[in-house]
Amino acid sequence: MVTPDTAPVDLSEALQRFDAELLIGTHWYRAALRAVGVWRVASETYRQHRFQYLVAREALDLVLVIERLMAERPDVVPTAEREAMRFGGCPPIYVPIDEFRSALGPIRYKAYLNYFYGVTVEEAAVHAVELEASKAHALDGGRADAYRRIYGVTLEDLLERYRGDQGIRSADRIRWDVWKGFTYWCFKTRSQLQIPARMASDTRKGISLLQQLRLVAGEGSPDPFRPDADPDDDRVDSGNSGHVVDLDSSI
């Protein structure tokens, strides 16, 4: 079962898998993916920082999980590769999509897709619409309101609704783990409010922006962890895949 944040954190199974793979000469990135396949922790506080690995019990932050594994075994990962993974989400080697899916297992793989489309692409969609609106209002100086254009209300209104829905107190600054949850909540809200054609259109804008930022050709996957994936395939099912309450049910 997923370990709740209030329970003692036990990373032994994932670390044992990571170490075993490294011992037989597996590249550290492949070893990390296979360790993620037995990862059980939903969230924790580590070195005074909040780590939210599983957003809304549905979306797996793969980069954060790998970062946590690297923190336990810093000597096995070259500094440049560790920084590229941590700050750019860029894996050091190419892993075919079938191997990637197999390493994570079906449940964690689906949870990763939820995160990619529900957080990464959703953020990109907001930025893409913001850029689009800014160009449209460049001459009259109008301020682009991407959130109103996508969700029908302002960012402030959305945050107020999210805090009320989740029982979160208002704060001047929003922690990164809270922002990820908010972004995923926005994605699910959009999936309920928008007609499918509009949902697909805004999502495509986010994917196109990611492709531009990552220097990926128009027909290529914007996901650096699945570079050979068709960008139109394996898409999360409008955020309604259900809670990932048992990450080990497929093992």
Foldseek 3Di string as FASTA:
>chain_A
DADDAVDDDDLPQLLVQQVVCVVVPHQNVLSNLLSLLPDRYQWYQDPNRTGGQQAPLQAGPSLSSSLVSCVVVVVRDDPVQSCCCNPVVAHPDADAPVSSCVSNDVRSVRNHLLLCLQFQLLVLLLVLQQVVVCVVCVVVPDHRQSCCVQQVDGPVVLVVVVCVVVVNDDDPDDDPSVVSNSSSVSLLSSLVPDDPVSNVVSSLSSQVSLCVVVVHDPQFGSNNNHGRDGVVPPHNPSSPPDRNPDSPPRD
